[in-house]
C-alpha atoms as a PDB file:
ATOM      1  CA  MET A   1     -14.092  14.593   5.956  1.00  0.00           C
ATOM      2  CA  GLN A   2     -10.644  16.004   3.732  1.00  0.00           C
ATOM      3  CA  PRO A   3      -7.211  15.462   4.366  1.00  0.00           C
ATOM      4  CA  SER A   4      -5.255  17.699   6.656  1.00  0.00           C
ATOM      5  CA  VAL A   5      -2.505  19.562   4.399  1.00  0.00           C
ATOM      6  CA  THR A   6       0.639  18.981   6.702  1.00  0.00           C
ATOM      7  CA  THR A   7       3.697  18.749   4.429  1.00  0.00           C
ATOM      8  CA  SER A   8       4.285  20.021   1.279  1.00  0.00           C
ATOM      9  CA  LEU A   9       4.242  17.640  -2.011  1.00  0.00           C
ATOM     10  CA  HIS A  10       4.298  20.177  -4.623  1.00  0.00           C
ATOM     11  CA  GLY A  11       6.570  19.417  -7.709  1.00  0.00           C
ATOM     12  CA  LYS A  12       6.450  15.534  -6.357  1.00  0.00           C
ATOM     13  CA  ARG A  13       5.594  13.178  -8.685  1.00  0.00           C
ATOM     14  CA  GLY A  14       3.458  10.006  -7.368  1.00  0.00           C
ATOM     15  CA  LEU A  15       2.449   6.007  -8.324  1.00  0.00           C
ATOM     16  CA  VAL A  16      -0.693   5.410  -6.960  1.00  0.00           C
ATOM     17  CA  VAL A  17      -0.759   1.507  -7.295  1.00  0.00           C
ATOM     18  CA  GLY A  18      -3.769  -0.415  -5.464  1.00  0.00           C
ATOM     19  CA  ILE A  19      -7.091   1.864  -5.691  1.00  0.00           C
ATOM     20  CA  ALA A  20      -9.920  -0.468  -6.316  1.00  0.00           C
ATOM     21  CA  ASN A  21     -12.481   2.115  -5.512  1.00  0.00           C
ATOM     22  CA  GLN A  22     -13.293   5.741  -3.152  1.00  0.00           C
ATOM     23  CA  SER A  23     -13.096   3.903  -0.147  1.00  0.00           C
ATOM     24  CA  SER A  24      -9.774   1.777  -0.498  1.00  0.00           C
ATOM     25  CA  ILE A  25      -7.093   2.684   1.735  1.00  0.00           C
ATOM     26  CA  ALA A  26      -4.564   3.741  -1.486  1.00  0.00           C
ATOM     27  CA  ALA A  27      -7.650   5.999  -2.343  1.00  0.00           C
ATOM     28  CA  GLY A  28      -7.160   8.085   1.084  1.00  0.00           C
ATOM     29  CA  CYS A  29      -3.389   8.180   0.506  1.00  0.00           C
ATOM     30  CA  ALA A  30      -4.026   9.340  -2.694  1.00  0.00           C
ATOM     31  CA  ARG A  31      -6.003  12.222  -1.658  1.00  0.00           C
ATOM     32  CA  ALA A  32      -3.920  12.565   1.021  1.00  0.00           C
ATOM     33  CA  PHE A  33      -1.111  13.272  -1.650  1.00  0.00           C
ATOM     34  CA  VAL A  34      -2.951  15.792  -3.964  1.00  0.00           C
ATOM     35  CA  ALA A  35      -4.073  17.686  -1.256  1.00  0.00           C
ATOM     36  CA  ALA A  36      -0.624  17.968  -0.118  1.00  0.00           C
ATOM     37  CA  GLY A  37       0.628  18.787  -3.790  1.00  0.00           C
ATOM     38  CA  ALA A  38       1.495  15.685  -5.525  1.00  0.00           C
ATOM     39  CA  THR A  39       1.023  15.053  -9.207  1.00  0.00           C
ATOM     40  CA  LEU A  40      -0.313  11.478  -9.429  1.00  0.00           C
ATOM     41  CA  ALA A  41      -0.693   8.487 -12.011  1.00  0.00           C
ATOM     42  CA  ALA A  42      -2.581   5.534 -11.127  1.00  0.00           C
ATOM     43  CA  THR A  43      -3.545   2.285 -12.298  1.00  0.00           C
ATOM     44  CA  TYR A  44      -5.957  -0.766 -12.223  1.00  0.00           C
ATOM     45  CA  LEU A  45      -6.196  -3.642 -12.086  1.00  0.00           C
ATOM     46  CA  ASN A  46      -8.633  -4.471 -15.426  1.00  0.00           C
ATOM     47  CA  ASP A  47     -11.103  -3.373 -17.040  1.00  0.00           C
ATOM     48  CA  LYS A  48     -14.255  -4.543 -14.460  1.00  0.00           C
ATOM     49  CA  ALA A  49     -11.905  -2.383 -12.009  1.00  0.00           C
ATOM     50  CA  LEU A  50     -11.917   0.798 -14.008  1.00  0.00           C
ATOM     51  CA  PRO A  51     -15.222   2.136 -13.525  1.00  0.00           C
ATOM     52  CA  HIS A  52     -14.811   1.917  -9.761  1.00  0.00           C
ATOM     53  CA  VAL A  53     -11.202   3.621 -10.525  1.00  0.00           C
ATOM     54  CA  ARG A  54     -11.827   5.966 -12.705  1.00  0.00           C
ATOM     55  CA  PRO A  55     -13.696   8.508 -10.893  1.00  0.00           C
ATOM     56  CA  VAL A  56     -11.581   8.713  -8.551  1.00  0.00           C
ATOM     57  CA  ALA A  57      -8.576   9.011 -10.711  1.00  0.00           C
ATOM     58  CA  ASP A  58     -10.497  11.836 -12.446  1.00  0.00           C
ATOM     59  CA  THR A  59     -11.628  14.265  -9.329  1.00  0.00           C
ATOM     60  CA  LEU A  60      -7.580  13.206  -8.386  1.00  0.00           C
ATOM     61  CA  GLY A  61      -6.710  14.712 -11.846  1.00  0.00           C
ATOM     62  CA  CYS A  62      -4.091  11.735 -12.351  1.00  0.00           C
ATOM     63  CA  GLU A  63      -2.552  12.682 -15.595  1.00  0.00           C
ATOM     64  CA  LEU A  64      -1.704   9.128 -16.227  1.00  0.00           C
ATOM     65  CA  LEU A  65      -4.543   5.945 -15.186  1.00  0.00           C
ATOM     66  CA  LEU A  66      -2.888   2.775 -17.187  1.00  0.00           C
ATOM     67  CA  PRO A  67      -3.850  -0.835 -16.367  1.00  0.00           C
ATOM     68  CA  CYS A  68      -1.648  -3.257 -13.797  1.00  0.00           C
ATOM     69  CA  ASP A  69      -2.054  -6.747 -13.258  1.00  0.00           C
ATOM     70  CA  VAL A  70       1.244  -7.989 -11.969  1.00  0.00           C
ATOM     71  CA  ARG A  71       0.393 -10.985 -12.582  1.00  0.00           C
ATOM     72  CA  VAL A  72       0.015 -10.176 -16.801  1.00  0.00           C
ATOM     73  CA  PRO A  73       2.766 -10.674 -18.152  1.00  0.00           C
ATOM     74  CA  GLY A  74       4.834  -7.374 -18.815  1.00  0.00           C
ATOM     75  CA  GLN A  75       2.030  -4.992 -17.463  1.00  0.00           C
ATOM     76  CA  LEU A  76       3.975  -3.926 -14.406  1.00  0.00           C
ATOM     77  CA  GLU A  77       7.172  -3.435 -16.770  1.00  0.00           C
ATOM     78  CA  ALA A  78       4.607  -0.931 -19.305  1.00  0.00           C
ATOM     79  CA  VAL A  79       3.733   1.167 -16.259  1.00  0.00           C
ATOM     80  CA  PHE A  80       7.282   2.453 -15.475  1.00  0.00           C
ATOM     81  CA  GLU A  81       7.889   2.692 -18.983  1.00  0.00           C
ATOM     82  CA  GLN A  82       4.907   5.074 -19.918  1.00  0.00           C
ATOM     83  CA  LEU A  83       5.860   6.937 -16.341  1.00  0.00           C
ATOM     84  CA  ARG A  84      10.180   6.976 -17.927  1.00  0.00           C
ATOM     85  CA  SER A  85       8.624   8.459 -21.371  1.00  0.00           C
ATOM     86  CA  VAL A  86       6.132  10.525 -19.511  1.00  0.00           C
ATOM     87  CA  TRP A  87       7.653  12.020 -16.309  1.00  0.00           C
ATOM     88  CA  GLY A  88      10.962  10.728 -17.131  1.00  0.00           C
ATOM     89  CA  ARG A  89      11.588  10.458 -13.492  1.00  0.00           C
ATOM     90  CA  LEU A  90       9.826   9.488 -10.257  1.00  0.00           C
ATOM     91  CA  ASP A  91       9.455  11.068  -6.524  1.00  0.00           C
ATOM     92  CA  PHE A  92       7.480   8.207  -4.428  1.00  0.00           C
ATOM     93  CA  LEU A  93       5.027   5.239  -5.166  1.00  0.00           C
ATOM     94  CA  LEU A  94       2.742   3.074  -2.927  1.00  0.00           C
ATOM     95  CA  HIS A  95       2.249  -0.334  -3.974  1.00  0.00           C
ATOM     96  CA  ALA A  96      -1.749  -1.106  -1.795  1.00  0.00           C
ATOM     97  CA  ILE A  97      -2.638  -4.453  -3.826  1.00  0.00           C
ATOM     98  CA  ALA A  98      -2.505  -8.465  -2.279  1.00  0.00           C
ATOM     99  CA  PHE A  99      -4.621 -11.405  -3.065  1.00  0.00           C
ATOM    100  CA  ALA A 100      -4.871 -14.690  -1.818  1.00  0.00           C
ATOM    101  CA  PRO A 101      -7.219 -17.464  -3.337  1.00  0.00           C
ATOM    102  CA  ALA A 102     -10.249 -17.640  -1.413  1.00  0.00           C
ATOM    103  CA  ASP A 103     -10.102 -21.099  -0.616  1.00  0.00           C
ATOM    104  CA  ASP A 104      -6.291 -20.579   1.272  1.00  0.00           C
ATOM    105  CA  LEU A 105      -7.087 -17.381   2.596  1.00  0.00           C
ATOM    106  CA  HIS A 106     -10.233 -19.314   4.341  1.00  0.00           C
ATOM    107  CA  GLY A 107      -8.161 -22.538   5.206  1.00  0.00           C
ATOM    108  CA  ARG A 108      -5.466 -23.375   7.750  1.00  0.00           C
ATOM    109  CA  VAL A 109      -2.458 -21.921   6.857  1.00  0.00           C
ATOM    110  CA  VAL A 110      -1.029 -25.332   7.228  1.00  0.00           C
ATOM    111  CA  ASP A 111      -3.560 -26.532   4.521  1.00  0.00           C
ATOM    112  CA  CYS A 112      -2.497 -23.827   1.855  1.00  0.00           C
ATOM    113  CA  SER A 113      -1.762 -25.209  -1.267  1.00  0.00           C
ATOM    114  CA  PRO A 114       1.360 -24.282  -3.426  1.00  0.00           C
ATOM    115  CA  ALA A 115       0.247 -22.535  -5.636  1.00  0.00           C
ATOM    116  CA  GLY A 116      -2.228 -20.866  -3.441  1.00  0.00           C
ATOM    117  CA  PHE A 117       0.611 -19.661  -1.231  1.00  0.00           C
ATOM    118  CA  GLY A 118       2.911 -19.072  -3.949  1.00  0.00           C
ATOM    119  CA  LEU A 119       0.054 -16.284  -6.414  1.00  0.00           C
ATOM    120  CA  ALA A 120      -0.016 -14.906  -2.176  1.00  0.00           C
ATOM    121  CA  MET A 121       3.173 -14.024  -2.256  1.00  0.00           C
ATOM    122  CA  ASP A 122       3.920 -12.651  -5.982  1.00  0.00           C
ATOM    123  CA  VAL A 123       0.635 -10.473  -5.682  1.00  0.00           C
ATOM    124  CA  SER A 124       1.259  -8.945  -1.950  1.00  0.00           C
ATOM    125  CA  CYS A 125       4.640  -9.143  -1.923  1.00  0.00           C
ATOM    126  CA  HIS A 126       7.367  -9.504  -4.399  1.00  0.00           C
ATOM    127  CA  SER A 127       5.278  -7.431  -6.680  1.00  0.00           C
ATOM    128  CA  PHE A 128       6.502  -4.446  -4.228  1.00  0.00           C
ATOM    129  CA  LEU A 129      10.533  -5.548  -4.390  1.00  0.00           C
ATOM    130  CA  ARG A 130       9.481  -5.754  -9.048  1.00  0.00           C
ATOM    131  CA  MET A 131       8.327  -1.827  -7.925  1.00  0.00           C
ATOM    132  CA  ALA A 132      10.972  -0.986  -6.314  1.00  0.00           C
ATOM    133  CA  HIS A 133      13.253  -2.404  -8.590  1.00  0.00           C
ATOM    134  CA  LEU A 134      11.969  -0.712 -11.736  1.00  0.00           C
ATOM    135  CA  ALA A 135      11.512   2.286  -9.939  1.00  0.00           C
ATOM    136  CA  GLU A 136      15.018   2.574  -8.876  1.00  0.00           C
ATOM    137  CA  PRO A 137      16.267   4.341 -12.398  1.00  0.00           C
ATOM    138  CA  LEU A 138      13.651   6.969 -12.468  1.00  0.00           C
ATOM    139  CA  MET A 139      14.729   8.045  -9.115  1.00  0.00           C
ATOM    140  CA  PRO A 140      18.041   9.307  -9.774  1.00  0.00           C
ATOM    141  CA  THR A 141      18.235  12.208  -6.875  1.00  0.00           C
ATOM    142  CA  GLY A 142      16.619  10.147  -4.386  1.00  0.00           C
ATOM    143  CA  GLY A 143      12.282   8.794  -2.911  1.00  0.00           C
ATOM    144  CA  CYS A 144      10.438   6.977  -1.498  1.00  0.00           C
ATOM    145  CA  LEU A 145       8.754   3.727  -1.734  1.00  0.00           C
ATOM    146  CA  LEU A 146       5.469   2.959   0.518  1.00  0.00           C
ATOM    147  CA  THR A 147       3.287   0.034   1.095  1.00  0.00           C
ATOM    148  CA  VAL A 148       0.777  -1.667   3.491  1.00  0.00           C
ATOM    149  CA  SER A 149       0.983  -4.410   6.163  1.00  0.00           C
ATOM    150  CA  PHE A 150      -1.180  -5.300   9.021  1.00  0.00           C
ATOM    151  CA  TYR A 151      -0.400  -6.056  12.327  1.00  0.00           C
ATOM    152  CA  GLY A 152      -1.726  -9.775  11.571  1.00  0.00           C
ATOM    153  CA  SER A 153       2.239 -10.097  10.276  1.00  0.00           C
ATOM    154  CA  ARG A 154       3.805 -10.622  13.451  1.00  0.00           C
ATOM    155  CA  ARG A 155       0.824 -12.010  16.034  1.00  0.00           C
ATOM    156  CA  VAL A 156      -2.074 -14.302  15.075  1.00  0.00           C
ATOM    157  CA  VAL A 157      -4.954 -12.627  14.089  1.00  0.00           C
ATOM    158  CA  ALA A 158      -8.332 -15.284  13.964  1.00  0.00           C
ATOM    159  CA  ASN A 159      -9.457 -15.891  10.170  1.00  0.00           C
ATOM    160  CA  TYR A 160      -6.029 -12.965   8.873  1.00  0.00           C
ATOM    161  CA  ASN A 161      -4.539 -16.942   7.858  1.00  0.00           C
ATOM    162  CA  LEU A 162      -2.021 -17.215   5.439  1.00  0.00           C
ATOM    163  CA  MET A 163      -2.113 -13.205   4.675  1.00  0.00           C
ATOM    164  CA  GLY A 164       0.011 -13.188   7.912  1.00  0.00           C
ATOM    165  CA  PRO A 165       3.385 -14.871   6.811  1.00  0.00           C
ATOM    166  CA  VAL A 166       2.599 -12.955   3.647  1.00  0.00           C
ATOM    167  CA  LYS A 167       2.486  -9.800   5.378  1.00  0.00           C
ATOM    168  CA  ALA A 168       5.757 -10.898   7.514  1.00  0.00           C
ATOM    169  CA  ALA A 169       7.542 -11.181   4.135  1.00  0.00           C
ATOM    170  CA  LEU A 170       6.731  -8.141   3.147  1.00  0.00           C
ATOM    171  CA  GLU A 171       8.099  -6.342   5.908  1.00  0.00           C
ATOM    172  CA  SER A 172      11.221  -8.055   5.859  1.00  0.00           C
ATOM    173  CA  ALA A 173      11.297  -7.082   2.401  1.00  0.00           C
ATOM    174  CA  VAL A 174      10.851  -3.225   3.125  1.00  0.00           C
ATOM    175  CA  ARG A 175      13.760  -3.954   5.593  1.00  0.00           C
ATOM    176  CA  TYR A 176      16.245  -5.291   2.812  1.00  0.00           C
ATOM    177  CA  THR A 177      15.521  -2.563   0.624  1.00  0.00           C
ATOM    178  CA  ALA A 178      15.355   0.401   2.421  1.00  0.00           C
ATOM    179  CA  THR A 179      19.224  -1.321   3.285  1.00  0.00           C
ATOM    180  CA  GLU A 180      20.226  -1.757  -0.801  1.00  0.00           C
ATOM    181  CA  LEU A 181      18.828   1.817  -1.991  1.00  0.00           C
ATOM    182  CA  GLY A 182      19.335   3.404   1.123  1.00  0.00           C
ATOM    183  CA  PRO A 183      23.011   4.652  -0.044  1.00  0.00           C
ATOM    184  CA  LYS A 184      21.108   6.137  -3.336  1.00  0.00           C
ATOM    185  CA  GLN A 185      18.866   7.759  -1.058  1.00  0.00           C
ATOM    186  CA  ILE A 186      15.766   5.887  -1.584  1.00  0.00           C
ATOM    187  CA  ARG A 187      13.598   5.061   1.549  1.00  0.00           C
ATOM    188  CA  ALA A 188      11.547   2.188   2.185  1.00  0.00           C
ATOM    189  CA  ASN A 189       8.658   2.334   4.343  1.00  0.00           C
ATOM    190  CA  ALA A 190       5.249   0.328   5.100  1.00  0.00           C
ATOM    191  CA  ILE A 191       2.253   1.622   6.837  1.00  0.00           C
ATOM    192  CA  SER A 192       0.467  -0.632   9.218  1.00  0.00           C
ATOM    193  CA  PRO A 193      -3.026   0.475  10.094  1.00  0.00           C
ATOM    194  CA  GLY A 194      -5.190  -0.655  12.081  1.00  0.00           C
ATOM    195  CA  PRO A 195      -8.335  -2.585  10.624  1.00  0.00           C
ATOM    196  CA  ILE A 196     -10.733  -0.426   7.987  1.00  0.00           C
ATOM    197  CA  SER A 197     -13.390  -1.924   6.510  1.00  0.00           C
ATOM    198  CA  THR A 198     -13.102  -1.832   2.874  1.00  0.00           C
ATOM    199  CA  ARG A 199     -13.646  -4.215   0.231  1.00  0.00           C
ATOM    200  CA  ALA A 200     -10.905  -5.875   0.100  1.00  0.00           C
ATOM    201  CA  ALA A 201     -10.976  -6.548   4.073  1.00  0.00           C
ATOM    202  CA  SER A 202     -14.525  -8.223   3.249  1.00  0.00           C
ATOM    203  CA  GLY A 203     -12.418 -10.997   1.816  1.00  0.00           C
ATOM    204  CA  ILE A 204     -11.934 -12.057   5.963  1.00  0.00           C
ATOM    205  CA  ALA A 205     -14.310 -14.344   7.463  1.00  0.00           C
ATOM    206  CA  HIS A 206     -15.725 -12.050  10.725  1.00  0.00           C
ATOM    207  CA  PHE A 207     -13.995  -9.093  10.301  1.00  0.00           C
ATOM    208  CA  ASP A 208     -16.865  -6.916  11.797  1.00  0.00           C
ATOM    209  CA  GLU A 209     -16.131  -8.701  15.047  1.00  0.00           C
ATOM    210  CA  LEU A 210     -12.042  -8.016  14.603  1.00  0.00           C
ATOM    211  CA  LEU A 211     -13.476  -4.423  13.968  1.00  0.00           C
ATOM    212  CA  GLU A 212     -15.469  -4.134  17.342  1.00  0.00           C
ATOM    213  CA  ALA A 213     -12.486  -5.774  18.704  1.00  0.00           C
ATOM    214  CA  GLU A 214     -10.130  -3.021  17.576  1.00  0.00           C
ATOM    215  CA  ALA A 215     -12.310  -0.756  19.263  1.00  0.00           C
ATOM    216  CA  ALA A 216     -12.872  -1.749  22.414  1.00  0.00           C
ATOM    217  CA  GLU A 217      -8.949  -2.264  22.941  1.00  0.00           C
ATOM    218  CA  ALA A 218      -7.328   0.303  21.392  1.00  0.00           C
ATOM    219  CA  PRO A 219      -6.060   2.948  23.749  1.00  0.00           C
ATOM    220  CA  GLU A 220      -8.224   5.480  21.754  1.00  0.00           C
ATOM    221  CA  HIS A 221     -11.419   3.622  21.641  1.00  0.00           C
ATOM    222  CA  GLN A 222     -11.462   4.453  17.861  1.00  0.00           C
ATOM    223  CA  LEU A 223     -11.049   2.869  14.388  1.00  0.00           C
ATOM    224  CA  VAL A 224      -8.871   4.635  12.219  1.00  0.00           C
ATOM    225  CA  ASP A 225     -10.388   5.622   8.270  1.00  0.00           C
ATOM    226  CA  ILE A 226      -8.104   5.723   5.236  1.00  0.00           C
ATOM    227  CA  GLU A 227      -7.983  10.074   5.970  1.00  0.00           C
ATOM    228  CA  ASP A 228      -5.942   8.800   8.879  1.00  0.00           C
ATOM    229  CA  VAL A 229      -3.555   6.051   6.605  1.00  0.00           C
ATOM    230  CA  GLY A 230      -3.298   9.190   4.089  1.00  0.00           C
ATOM    231  CA  ALA A 231      -1.746  11.643   6.258  1.00  0.00           C
ATOM    232  CA  LEU A 232       1.043   9.462   7.145  1.00  0.00           C
ATOM    233  CA  ALA A 233       1.891   8.536   3.961  1.00  0.00           C
ATOM    234  CA  ALA A 234       1.579  11.904   2.719  1.00  0.00           C
ATOM    235  CA  PHE A 235       4.439  12.509   5.469  1.00  0.00           C
ATOM    236  CA  LEU A 236       5.940   9.373   4.882  1.00  0.00           C
ATOM    237  CA  VAL A 237       6.642  10.434   0.593  1.00  0.00           C
ATOM    238  CA  SER A 238       7.973  14.346   2.002  1.00  0.00           C
ATOM    239  CA  ASP A 239      11.490  15.553   2.441  1.00  0.00           C
ATOM    240  CA  GLY A 240      10.389  16.114   6.253  1.00  0.00           C
ATOM    241  CA  ALA A 241      10.870  12.431   6.473  1.00  0.00           C
ATOM    242  CA  ARG A 242      13.815  12.138   4.382  1.00  0.00           C
ATOM    243  CA  ARG A 243      15.409  10.250   7.373  1.00  0.00           C
ATOM    244  CA  ILE A 244      12.847   7.632   7.841  1.00  0.00           C
ATOM    245  CA  THR A 245      13.511   4.035   6.564  1.00  0.00           C
ATOM    246  CA  GLY A 246      13.080   0.709   7.029  1.00  0.00           C
ATOM    247  CA  ASN A 247      10.074   1.045   9.336  1.00  0.00           C
ATOM    248  CA  ILE A 248       6.939  -0.531  10.103  1.00  0.00           C
ATOM    249  CA  ILE A 249       4.899   2.207  10.999  1.00  0.00           C
ATOM    250  CA  PRO A 250       1.417   2.062  12.789  1.00  0.00           C
ATOM    251  CA  VAL A 251      -1.564   4.017  12.710  1.00  0.00           C
ATOM    252  CA  ASP A 252      -4.276   2.235  14.576  1.00  0.00           C
ATOM    253  CA  GLY A 253      -5.097   4.256  17.820  1.00  0.00           C
ATOM    254  CA  GLY A 254      -2.307   2.692  20.002  1.00  0.00           C
ATOM    255  CA  GLN A 255      -3.360  -0.699  19.528  1.00  0.00           C
ATOM    256  CA  HIS A 256      -0.564  -2.586  18.712  1.00  0.00           C
ATOM    257  CA  VAL A 257       0.733  -1.274  22.756  1.00  0.00           C
ATOM    258  CA  VAL A 258      -2.038  -3.614  24.007  1.00  0.00           C
ATOM    259  CA  ALA A 259      -0.810  -7.087  25.378  1.00  0.00           C
END
């Protein structure tokens, strides 16, 4: 399924962080950005991930493909230095990374280790703030920062565990970022998709059961896919969304309205 072009991103340059493979949410968003006319840079986690990311980046014609493990000192800063050197500016970015150690993710939240909690917050939340800080000087005339959340931030979802509080922190970070950078016309929003079968989601226990429940409960009785998320992402980084900021926007077939 090809993403539909509903808005124009011609002349815009964006950074996509979080492509894991062709089925990841970040890949779906990247395809929508390019279909709307954007020029992209992308990152890959490490050499092990590169064979899965490079085919996606090549298909999209990414001008830059850079290593970026936010846990490695200096790598994120090096990405933005390359953007400054090659492009001189940035119009939008997508932050689509999250991580929690397996023992902490699969256990009770009240039992999570200090190290596991800190690592999950650093990779999944603080990295968004770091990207906002680094992007700010590259957006002198404004821009858009996007990240990805999940409704487990607002209510308890079985087996989502530690990622619930972490995503809640990420959503709060979005609101503060939108407020602090708003005077510079830099917007910040989070997209909150319903559950999607991705490699990252496979780390959540009993995820197939969550997918079945979602389809049964949502008013449309349909699961969303990465193209649905991409269509929203492309709109949010476009000029048509220039007055939309500080929001956590669901794309879940209406599931969020069901008690």
